[in-house]
């Protein structure tokens, strides 16, 4: 029975961790775009957005990251036999990659906090979709618990990732077209 409580807490922290990762990158995007605006909007928006980043990062995302690893490790200690399954090792590899993603988010957080905006909003949008790929991979490995269809699963994952990236690219083109349309001066008909 104790194992189920630990598992429930692990899942709760995982959900909160992903929520933080999804939202923090959106805040990076909005902050980058606010930084490119004219004053006073630039100062007002970047100040507010960096405050939101700080609260999200330190109150939700980092504690959820730590809780995920504490309760996940605790589950492995209570049930070490689960490490005999290849799907669990693959899941742990994806979790390790997600931890690296988290650390890259921390690097972006520190840059923006210091007023450095090197990464374009388009690259941040692509980076944001990477968390979705990790989520899909980890959930499928936990629920299906099979490596038998691993090749097909990985192929599906790559197709899913390609579709996400394609969607971001299409969004970028549509957004650029809308901005150009909005900036076009009205024409006066010749009569």
Protein backbone atom coordinates (compact mmCIF):
# COMPACT_ATOMS: atom_id res chain seq x y z
CA UNK A 1 0.00 0.00 0.00
CA UNK A 2 2.86 2.44 0.77
CA UNK A 3 4.19 1.88 -2.74
CA UNK A 4 0.94 3.20 -4.25
CA UNK A 5 1.14 6.41 -2.21
CA UNK A 6 4.73 6.94 -3.36
CA UNK A 7 3.69 6.23 -6.96
CA UNK A 8 0.80 8.71 -6.68
CA UNK A 9 3.14 11.41 -5.35
CA UNK A 10 5.61 10.63 -8.15
CA UNK A 11 2.89 11.08 -10.78
CA UNK A 12 1.71 14.34 -9.18
CA UNK A 13 5.24 15.76 -9.24
CA UNK A 14 5.74 14.60 -12.86
CA UNK A 15 2.54 16.38 -13.94
CA UNK A 16 3.58 19.59 -12.16
CA UNK A 17 7.09 19.34 -13.60
CA UNK A 18 5.77 19.06 -17.15
CA UNK A 19 3.33 21.92 -16.55
CA UNK A 20 6.24 24.08 -15.42
CA UNK A 21 8.41 23.07 -18.38
CA UNK A 22 5.64 23.76 -20.89
CA UNK A 23 4.81 27.17 -19.42
CA UNK A 24 8.34 28.41 -18.72
CA UNK A 25 9.34 28.15 -22.38
CA UNK A 26 6.17 30.03 -23.38
CA UNK A 27 7.25 32.74 -20.95
CA UNK A 28 10.71 32.76 -22.56
CA UNK A 29 9.04 33.31 -25.94
CA UNK A 30 6.80 36.11 -24.67
CA UNK A 31 9.72 37.78 -22.88
CA UNK A 32 11.89 37.63 -26.00
CA UNK A 33 9.09 39.19 -28.05
CA UNK A 34 8.44 41.85 -25.38
CA UNK A 35 12.15 42.72 -25.41
CA UNK A 36 11.82 43.63 -29.10
CA UNK A 37 8.98 46.11 -28.47
CA UNK A 38 9.29 49.88 -28.10
CA UNK A 39 9.43 51.61 -24.71
CA UNK A 40 7.54 51.79 -22.35
CA UNK A 41 5.91 48.47 -23.31
CA UNK A 42 9.33 46.78 -23.44
CA UNK A 43 10.21 47.61 -19.83
CA UNK A 44 6.77 46.96 -18.42
CA UNK A 45 6.31 43.61 -20.14
CA UNK A 46 9.84 42.26 -19.61
CA UNK A 47 9.72 43.18 -15.91
CA UNK A 48 6.39 41.41 -15.43
CA UNK A 49 7.31 38.37 -17.53
CA UNK A 50 10.67 37.85 -15.82
CA UNK A 51 8.90 38.01 -12.44
CA UNK A 52 6.44 35.37 -13.66
CA UNK A 53 9.38 33.24 -14.85
CA UNK A 54 11.06 33.47 -11.44
CA UNK A 55 7.94 32.44 -9.53
CA UNK A 56 7.12 29.57 -11.90
CA UNK A 57 10.69 28.32 -12.00
CA UNK A 58 11.47 28.37 -8.29
CA UNK A 59 8.03 27.73 -6.77
CA UNK A 60 6.69 25.06 -9.16
CA UNK A 61 9.20 23.71 -11.68
CA UNK A 62 12.34 23.10 -9.60
CA UNK A 63 10.46 21.61 -6.60
CA UNK A 64 8.52 19.35 -9.00
CA UNK A 65 11.77 18.27 -10.68
CA UNK A 66 13.24 17.36 -7.28
CA UNK A 67 10.03 15.62 -6.11
CA UNK A 68 9.87 13.60 -9.33
CA UNK A 69 13.37 12.25 -8.79
CA UNK A 70 12.92 11.62 -5.05
CA UNK A 71 9.72 9.60 -5.44
CA UNK A 72 10.88 7.92 -8.67
CA UNK A 73 14.09 6.76 -6.99
CA UNK A 74 12.11 5.66 -3.94
CA UNK A 75 9.87 3.51 -6.19
CA UNK A 76 12.95 1.90 -7.78
CA UNK A 77 14.39 1.14 -4.33
CA UNK A 78 11.12 -0.49 -3.24
CA UNK A 79 10.75 -2.39 -6.52
CA UNK A 80 14.22 -2.98 -8.03
CA UNK A 81 12.89 -5.87 -10.17
CA UNK A 82 11.38 -3.30 -12.53
CA UNK A 83 14.92 -2.50 -13.68
CA UNK A 84 15.08 -5.91 -15.37
CA UNK A 85 12.73 -4.68 -18.10
CA UNK A 86 14.26 -3.01 -21.19
CA UNK A 87 11.34 -0.57 -21.50
CA UNK A 88 12.18 0.82 -18.04
CA UNK A 89 15.77 1.53 -19.07
CA UNK A 90 14.53 3.27 -22.20
CA UNK A 91 12.11 5.30 -20.09
CA UNK A 92 14.96 6.27 -17.75
CA UNK A 93 17.02 7.39 -20.77
CA UNK A 94 14.15 9.67 -21.85
CA UNK A 95 13.84 10.98 -18.28
CA UNK A 96 17.59 11.71 -18.33
CA UNK A 97 17.15 13.63 -21.59
CA UNK A 98 14.23 15.50 -20.04
CA UNK A 99 16.48 16.43 -17.10
CA UNK A 100 18.99 17.85 -19.61
CA UNK A 101 16.10 19.77 -21.22
CA UNK A 102 15.27 21.14 -17.75
CA UNK A 103 18.88 22.27 -17.28
CA UNK A 104 18.82 24.00 -20.68
CA UNK A 105 15.64 25.79 -19.58
CA UNK A 106 17.56 26.93 -16.49
CA UNK A 107 20.29 28.32 -18.75
CA UNK A 108 17.67 30.26 -20.78
CA UNK A 109 16.12 31.45 -17.50
CA UNK A 110 19.45 32.80 -16.26
CA UNK A 111 20.16 34.48 -19.63
CA UNK A 112 16.82 36.26 -19.75
CA UNK A 113 17.09 37.25 -16.09
CA UNK A 114 20.39 38.93 -17.00
CA UNK A 115 18.76 40.69 -19.99
CA UNK A 116 20.42 38.46 -22.59
CA UNK A 117 18.12 37.35 -25.42
CA UNK A 118 20.28 35.38 -27.84
CA UNK A 119 17.73 32.74 -28.86
CA UNK A 120 15.02 33.71 -31.35
CA UNK A 121 11.37 33.20 -30.49
CA UNK A 122 11.13 30.72 -33.39
CA UNK A 123 13.94 28.56 -31.95
CA UNK A 124 12.29 28.76 -28.54
CA UNK A 125 9.02 27.57 -30.09
CA UNK A 126 10.81 24.58 -31.59
CA UNK A 127 12.53 23.93 -28.26
CA UNK A 128 9.14 24.06 -26.54
CA UNK A 129 7.85 21.17 -28.68
CA UNK A 130 10.71 18.95 -27.54
CA UNK A 131 9.07 18.60 -24.10
CA UNK A 132 5.96 17.25 -25.84
CA UNK A 133 8.06 14.61 -27.59
CA UNK A 134 9.54 13.53 -24.25
CA UNK A 135 6.08 13.41 -22.69
CA UNK A 136 4.69 11.19 -25.45
CA UNK A 137 7.70 8.84 -25.33
CA UNK A 138 7.66 8.47 -21.55
CA UNK A 139 3.90 7.96 -21.25
CA UNK A 140 3.81 5.36 -24.01
CA UNK A 141 6.72 3.44 -22.48
CA UNK A 142 5.05 3.41 -19.05
CA UNK A 143 1.59 2.46 -20.27
CA UNK A 144 2.46 -0.01 -23.05
CA UNK A 145 5.51 -1.46 -21.23
CA UNK A 146 6.87 -3.06 -24.31
CA UNK A 147 9.99 -2.84 -26.38
CA UNK A 148 8.63 -5.34 -28.92
CA UNK A 149 7.12 -2.54 -30.96
CA UNK A 150 9.99 -0.22 -30.17
CA UNK A 151 11.00 0.33 -33.80
CA UNK A 152 7.44 1.26 -34.78
CA UNK A 153 7.06 3.33 -31.65
CA UNK A 154 10.24 5.30 -32.34
CA UNK A 155 9.20 5.78 -35.97
CA UNK A 156 5.85 7.08 -34.75
CA UNK A 157 7.61 9.35 -32.28
CA UNK A 158 9.81 10.83 -35.02
CA UNK A 159 6.78 11.35 -37.27
CA UNK A 160 4.97 13.01 -34.35
CA UNK A 161 7.98 15.26 -33.74
CA UNK A 162 8.19 16.15 -37.43
CA UNK A 163 4.49 17.06 -37.48
CA UNK A 164 4.96 19.27 -34.41
CA UNK A 165 7.94 21.02 -35.99
CA UNK A 166 6.01 21.43 -39.24
CA UNK A 167 3.13 22.99 -37.32
CA UNK A 168 5.49 25.47 -35.69
CA UNK A 169 6.98 26.36 -39.09
CA UNK A 170 3.52 26.88 -40.63
CA UNK A 171 2.53 29.02 -37.65
CA UNK A 172 5.65 31.15 -38.15
CA UNK A 173 4.88 31.72 -41.84
CA UNK A 174 1.23 32.60 -41.13
CA UNK A 175 2.21 34.95 -38.32
CA UNK A 176 4.77 36.70 -40.53
CA UNK A 177 2.18 37.09 -43.31
CA UNK A 178 -0.32 38.57 -40.84
CA UNK A 179 2.28 41.02 -39.48
CA UNK A 180 3.19 42.13 -43.01
CA UNK A 181 -0.50 42.57 -43.84
CA UNK A 182 -1.04 44.64 -40.68
CA UNK A 183 1.97 46.84 -41.49
CA UNK A 184 0.96 47.48 -45.12
CA UNK A 185 -0.22 51.08 -45.57
CA UNK A 186 -3.68 51.44 -47.05
CA UNK A 187 -3.81 52.21 -50.75
CA UNK A 188 -5.84 55.05 -52.16
CA UNK A 189 -7.64 54.18 -55.38
CA UNK A 190 -6.91 56.35 -58.42
CA UNK A 191 -10.10 57.91 -59.73
